[in-house]
N, C-alpha and C. Protein backbone atom coordinates (compact mmCIF):
# COMPACT_ATOMS: atom_id res chain seq x y z
N UNK A 1 -17.29 -13.73 -9.03
CA UNK A 1 -16.87 -12.34 -8.89
C UNK A 1 -15.39 -12.24 -9.20
N UNK A 2 -14.96 -11.29 -9.99
CA UNK A 2 -13.54 -11.10 -10.29
C UNK A 2 -12.92 -10.23 -9.22
N UNK A 3 -11.58 -10.27 -9.16
CA UNK A 3 -10.93 -9.47 -8.14
C UNK A 3 -10.95 -7.98 -8.45
N UNK A 4 -11.48 -7.59 -9.63
CA UNK A 4 -11.65 -6.17 -9.96
C UNK A 4 -12.74 -5.57 -9.08
N UNK A 5 -13.61 -6.41 -8.55
CA UNK A 5 -14.68 -5.96 -7.68
C UNK A 5 -14.27 -5.97 -6.21
N UNK A 6 -12.97 -5.86 -5.96
CA UNK A 6 -12.45 -5.89 -4.60
C UNK A 6 -11.67 -4.62 -4.31
N UNK A 7 -11.43 -4.40 -3.03
CA UNK A 7 -10.53 -3.35 -2.58
C UNK A 7 -9.42 -4.03 -1.80
N UNK A 8 -8.19 -3.74 -2.18
CA UNK A 8 -7.02 -4.27 -1.49
C UNK A 8 -6.37 -3.11 -0.74
N UNK A 9 -6.16 -3.29 0.56
CA UNK A 9 -5.51 -2.29 1.39
C UNK A 9 -4.26 -2.95 1.96
N UNK A 10 -3.11 -2.32 1.75
CA UNK A 10 -1.85 -2.92 2.17
C UNK A 10 -0.99 -1.91 2.91
N UNK A 11 -0.15 -2.44 3.80
CA UNK A 11 0.86 -1.65 4.48
C UNK A 11 2.23 -2.14 4.05
N UNK A 12 3.10 -1.20 3.69
CA UNK A 12 4.44 -1.52 3.22
C UNK A 12 5.48 -0.77 4.05
N UNK A 13 6.60 -1.42 4.30
CA UNK A 13 7.73 -0.77 4.96
C UNK A 13 8.92 -0.87 4.02
N UNK A 14 9.52 0.27 3.73
CA UNK A 14 10.68 0.32 2.85
C UNK A 14 11.92 0.72 3.64
N UNK A 15 13.04 0.14 3.24
CA UNK A 15 14.36 0.60 3.70
C UNK A 15 15.02 1.21 2.48
N UNK A 16 15.49 2.43 2.64
CA UNK A 16 16.03 3.20 1.52
C UNK A 16 17.37 3.80 1.94
N UNK A 17 18.31 3.83 1.00
CA UNK A 17 19.56 4.53 1.29
C UNK A 17 19.23 5.98 1.61
N UNK A 18 19.74 6.51 2.72
CA UNK A 18 19.37 7.88 3.13
C UNK A 18 19.63 8.93 2.06
N UNK A 19 20.68 8.76 1.28
CA UNK A 19 20.98 9.76 0.24
C UNK A 19 20.00 9.70 -0.93
N UNK A 20 19.16 8.67 -1.02
CA UNK A 20 18.16 8.53 -2.08
C UNK A 20 16.73 8.70 -1.57
N UNK A 21 16.59 9.00 -0.27
CA UNK A 21 15.28 9.03 0.37
C UNK A 21 14.31 9.99 -0.32
N UNK A 22 14.69 11.21 -0.54
CA UNK A 22 13.79 12.20 -1.15
C UNK A 22 13.41 11.80 -2.57
N UNK A 23 14.36 11.29 -3.33
CA UNK A 23 14.07 10.87 -4.70
C UNK A 23 13.09 9.69 -4.70
N UNK A 24 13.28 8.74 -3.80
CA UNK A 24 12.37 7.59 -3.71
C UNK A 24 10.98 8.06 -3.31
N UNK A 25 10.89 8.99 -2.36
CA UNK A 25 9.58 9.51 -1.96
C UNK A 25 8.87 10.17 -3.15
N UNK A 26 9.60 10.93 -3.94
CA UNK A 26 9.00 11.59 -5.12
C UNK A 26 8.50 10.56 -6.13
N UNK A 27 9.33 9.56 -6.41
CA UNK A 27 8.97 8.56 -7.40
C UNK A 27 7.83 7.66 -6.90
N UNK A 28 7.83 7.35 -5.62
CA UNK A 28 6.76 6.53 -5.04
C UNK A 28 5.43 7.27 -5.08
N UNK A 29 5.47 8.57 -4.92
CA UNK A 29 4.23 9.38 -4.92
C UNK A 29 3.50 9.29 -6.26
N UNK A 30 4.19 8.89 -7.31
CA UNK A 30 3.58 8.78 -8.63
C UNK A 30 2.79 7.48 -8.80
N UNK A 31 2.89 6.56 -7.84
CA UNK A 31 2.16 5.29 -7.93
C UNK A 31 0.74 5.51 -7.42
N UNK A 32 -0.24 5.20 -8.25
CA UNK A 32 -1.65 5.39 -7.89
C UNK A 32 -1.99 4.62 -6.62
N UNK A 33 -2.66 5.30 -5.69
CA UNK A 33 -3.14 4.67 -4.47
C UNK A 33 -2.12 4.56 -3.36
N UNK A 34 -0.88 4.99 -3.62
CA UNK A 34 0.18 4.89 -2.61
C UNK A 34 0.25 6.18 -1.80
N UNK A 35 0.36 6.04 -0.50
CA UNK A 35 0.44 7.20 0.38
C UNK A 35 1.54 6.99 1.42
N UNK A 36 2.35 8.02 1.63
CA UNK A 36 3.38 7.99 2.66
C UNK A 36 2.72 8.23 4.00
N UNK A 37 2.96 7.34 4.95
CA UNK A 37 2.38 7.45 6.28
C UNK A 37 3.40 8.03 7.26
N UNK A 38 4.63 7.53 7.18
CA UNK A 38 5.68 7.98 8.09
C UNK A 38 7.04 7.69 7.47
N UNK A 39 8.03 8.34 7.99
CA UNK A 39 9.40 8.11 7.53
C UNK A 39 10.38 8.78 8.46
N UNK A 40 11.65 8.45 8.28
CA UNK A 40 12.68 9.10 9.08
C UNK A 40 13.92 9.35 8.23
N UNK A 41 14.87 10.06 8.77
CA UNK A 41 16.05 10.48 8.03
C UNK A 41 17.02 9.35 7.76
N UNK A 42 16.88 8.22 8.44
CA UNK A 42 17.82 7.11 8.22
C UNK A 42 17.36 6.17 7.12
N UNK A 43 16.19 6.45 6.52
CA UNK A 43 15.77 5.69 5.35
C UNK A 43 14.67 4.68 5.55
N UNK A 44 13.86 4.87 6.56
CA UNK A 44 12.71 3.99 6.75
C UNK A 44 11.46 4.73 6.33
N UNK A 45 10.62 4.05 5.54
CA UNK A 45 9.36 4.63 5.09
C UNK A 45 8.22 3.66 5.36
N UNK A 46 7.12 4.17 5.85
CA UNK A 46 5.90 3.39 6.00
C UNK A 46 4.90 3.95 5.00
N UNK A 47 4.32 3.05 4.19
CA UNK A 47 3.41 3.45 3.13
C UNK A 47 2.14 2.63 3.21
N UNK A 48 1.05 3.20 2.73
CA UNK A 48 -0.17 2.43 2.52
C UNK A 48 -0.48 2.42 1.03
N UNK A 49 -1.12 1.35 0.60
CA UNK A 49 -1.50 1.23 -0.80
C UNK A 49 -2.92 0.70 -0.87
N UNK A 50 -3.76 1.40 -1.60
CA UNK A 50 -5.11 0.94 -1.89
C UNK A 50 -5.20 0.72 -3.39
N UNK A 51 -5.64 -0.47 -3.77
CA UNK A 51 -5.76 -0.79 -5.20
C UNK A 51 -6.89 -1.78 -5.42
N UNK A 52 -7.23 -2.00 -6.68
CA UNK A 52 -8.40 -2.81 -7.01
C UNK A 52 -8.09 -4.29 -7.20
N UNK A 53 -6.83 -4.63 -7.45
CA UNK A 53 -6.50 -6.02 -7.73
C UNK A 53 -5.21 -6.43 -7.03
N UNK A 54 -5.07 -7.73 -6.83
CA UNK A 54 -3.83 -8.25 -6.27
C UNK A 54 -2.67 -8.02 -7.25
N UNK A 55 -2.97 -8.09 -8.54
CA UNK A 55 -1.95 -7.85 -9.57
C UNK A 55 -1.40 -6.42 -9.42
N UNK A 56 -2.28 -5.44 -9.16
CA UNK A 56 -1.84 -4.06 -8.98
C UNK A 56 -0.94 -3.94 -7.75
N UNK A 57 -1.25 -4.68 -6.69
CA UNK A 57 -0.40 -4.70 -5.50
C UNK A 57 0.98 -5.22 -5.84
N UNK A 58 1.04 -6.35 -6.54
CA UNK A 58 2.33 -6.93 -6.92
C UNK A 58 3.11 -6.00 -7.84
N UNK A 59 2.41 -5.35 -8.76
CA UNK A 59 3.07 -4.42 -9.68
C UNK A 59 3.66 -3.23 -8.93
N UNK A 60 2.92 -2.71 -7.96
CA UNK A 60 3.42 -1.57 -7.18
C UNK A 60 4.66 -1.97 -6.37
N UNK A 61 4.63 -3.16 -5.77
CA UNK A 61 5.79 -3.63 -5.01
C UNK A 61 7.00 -3.78 -5.93
N UNK A 62 6.79 -4.37 -7.10
CA UNK A 62 7.89 -4.54 -8.06
C UNK A 62 8.45 -3.18 -8.50
N UNK A 63 7.55 -2.23 -8.70
CA UNK A 63 8.00 -0.88 -9.10
C UNK A 63 8.84 -0.24 -7.99
N UNK A 64 8.38 -0.38 -6.74
CA UNK A 64 9.15 0.16 -5.62
C UNK A 64 10.51 -0.52 -5.49
N UNK A 65 10.52 -1.84 -5.63
CA UNK A 65 11.78 -2.59 -5.52
C UNK A 65 12.78 -2.17 -6.59
N UNK A 66 12.29 -1.71 -7.74
CA UNK A 66 13.16 -1.31 -8.83
C UNK A 66 13.70 0.11 -8.74
N UNK A 67 13.23 0.88 -7.77
CA UNK A 67 13.70 2.27 -7.64
C UNK A 67 15.14 2.29 -7.11
N UNK A 68 16.01 3.08 -7.73
CA UNK A 68 17.38 3.20 -7.24
C UNK A 68 17.40 3.67 -5.78
N UNK A 69 18.15 2.97 -4.96
CA UNK A 69 18.28 3.33 -3.56
C UNK A 69 17.38 2.54 -2.63
N UNK A 70 16.39 1.81 -3.18
CA UNK A 70 15.52 0.99 -2.34
C UNK A 70 16.26 -0.30 -2.00
N UNK A 71 16.44 -0.54 -0.70
CA UNK A 71 17.15 -1.73 -0.23
C UNK A 71 16.20 -2.90 -0.01
N UNK A 72 14.98 -2.60 0.48
CA UNK A 72 14.00 -3.67 0.70
C UNK A 72 12.60 -3.08 0.74
N UNK A 73 11.64 -3.94 0.39
CA UNK A 73 10.22 -3.61 0.48
C UNK A 73 9.56 -4.78 1.21
N UNK A 74 8.92 -4.49 2.32
CA UNK A 74 8.23 -5.54 3.08
C UNK A 74 6.74 -5.27 3.09
N UNK A 75 5.97 -6.29 2.71
CA UNK A 75 4.51 -6.23 2.82
C UNK A 75 4.18 -6.65 4.25
N UNK A 76 3.73 -5.71 5.06
CA UNK A 76 3.49 -6.00 6.48
C UNK A 76 2.01 -6.14 6.81
N UNK A 77 1.15 -5.78 5.87
CA UNK A 77 -0.29 -5.90 6.09
C UNK A 77 -0.97 -5.99 4.74
N UNK A 78 -1.98 -6.86 4.63
CA UNK A 78 -2.77 -6.93 3.41
C UNK A 78 -4.18 -7.40 3.78
N UNK A 79 -5.15 -6.63 3.35
CA UNK A 79 -6.55 -6.98 3.55
C UNK A 79 -7.27 -6.74 2.23
N UNK A 80 -8.14 -7.67 1.86
CA UNK A 80 -8.96 -7.43 0.67
C UNK A 80 -10.39 -7.82 0.99
N UNK A 81 -11.28 -7.10 0.36
CA UNK A 81 -12.70 -7.29 0.64
C UNK A 81 -13.49 -6.94 -0.61
N UNK A 82 -14.55 -7.69 -0.88
CA UNK A 82 -15.41 -7.33 -2.02
C UNK A 82 -16.02 -5.94 -1.82
N UNK A 83 -16.03 -5.16 -2.87
CA UNK A 83 -16.61 -3.81 -2.78
C UNK A 83 -18.06 -3.85 -2.35
N UNK A 84 -18.79 -4.86 -2.78
CA UNK A 84 -20.21 -4.97 -2.41
C UNK A 84 -20.37 -5.04 -0.90
N UNK A 85 -19.47 -5.74 -0.22
CA UNK A 85 -19.56 -5.83 1.24
C UNK A 85 -19.27 -4.49 1.91
N UNK A 86 -18.41 -3.71 1.32
CA UNK A 86 -18.10 -2.39 1.89
C UNK A 86 -19.27 -1.43 1.77
N UNK A 87 -20.14 -1.69 0.82
CA UNK A 87 -21.30 -0.81 0.59
C UNK A 87 -22.52 -1.24 1.39
N UNK A 88 -22.47 -2.42 2.04
CA UNK A 88 -23.60 -2.90 2.82
C UNK A 88 -23.73 -2.09 4.11
N UNK A 89 -24.96 -1.82 4.48
CA UNK A 89 -25.22 -1.11 5.72
C UNK A 89 -25.05 -2.07 6.89
N UNK A 90 -24.46 -1.59 7.95
CA UNK A 90 -24.23 -2.41 9.13
C UNK A 90 -25.45 -2.35 10.05
N UNK A 91 -25.92 -3.48 10.46
CA UNK A 91 -27.03 -3.58 11.41
C UNK A 91 -26.41 -3.51 12.82
N UNK A 92 -26.44 -2.34 13.42
CA UNK A 92 -25.76 -2.12 14.71
C UNK A 92 -26.41 -2.88 15.86
N UNK A 93 -27.67 -3.23 15.73
CA UNK A 93 -28.33 -4.00 16.79
C UNK A 93 -27.78 -5.42 16.85
N UNK A 94 -27.49 -6.00 15.70
CA UNK A 94 -26.98 -7.37 15.65
C UNK A 94 -25.46 -7.44 15.60
N UNK A 95 -24.81 -6.29 15.37
CA UNK A 95 -23.35 -6.20 15.32
C UNK A 95 -22.90 -5.01 16.16
N UNK A 96 -23.00 -5.12 17.47
CA UNK A 96 -22.62 -3.97 18.31
C UNK A 96 -21.12 -3.69 18.20
N UNK A 97 -20.79 -2.44 18.39
CA UNK A 97 -19.39 -2.04 18.33
C UNK A 97 -18.69 -2.26 19.63
């Protein structure tokens, strides 16, 4: 199975110069699968990213790191799973919640 048949879900934390915060938010919004979760006026942003490949994750991080005003990008969470497993029905009798 290739990693194209996977879903990658990641959490990112960015530190941004406060005077560039709005511009970074606008430019980050153009990245497919990226969503702003939280942020503050001093330049901290929490983002989630859903993508199909690990390469896409690395490319998105590199793109964020290259934005003017971005001081750091931290990958704080990463989970990947085959899409086929996400489509399987859960047997609740054998897997209680």
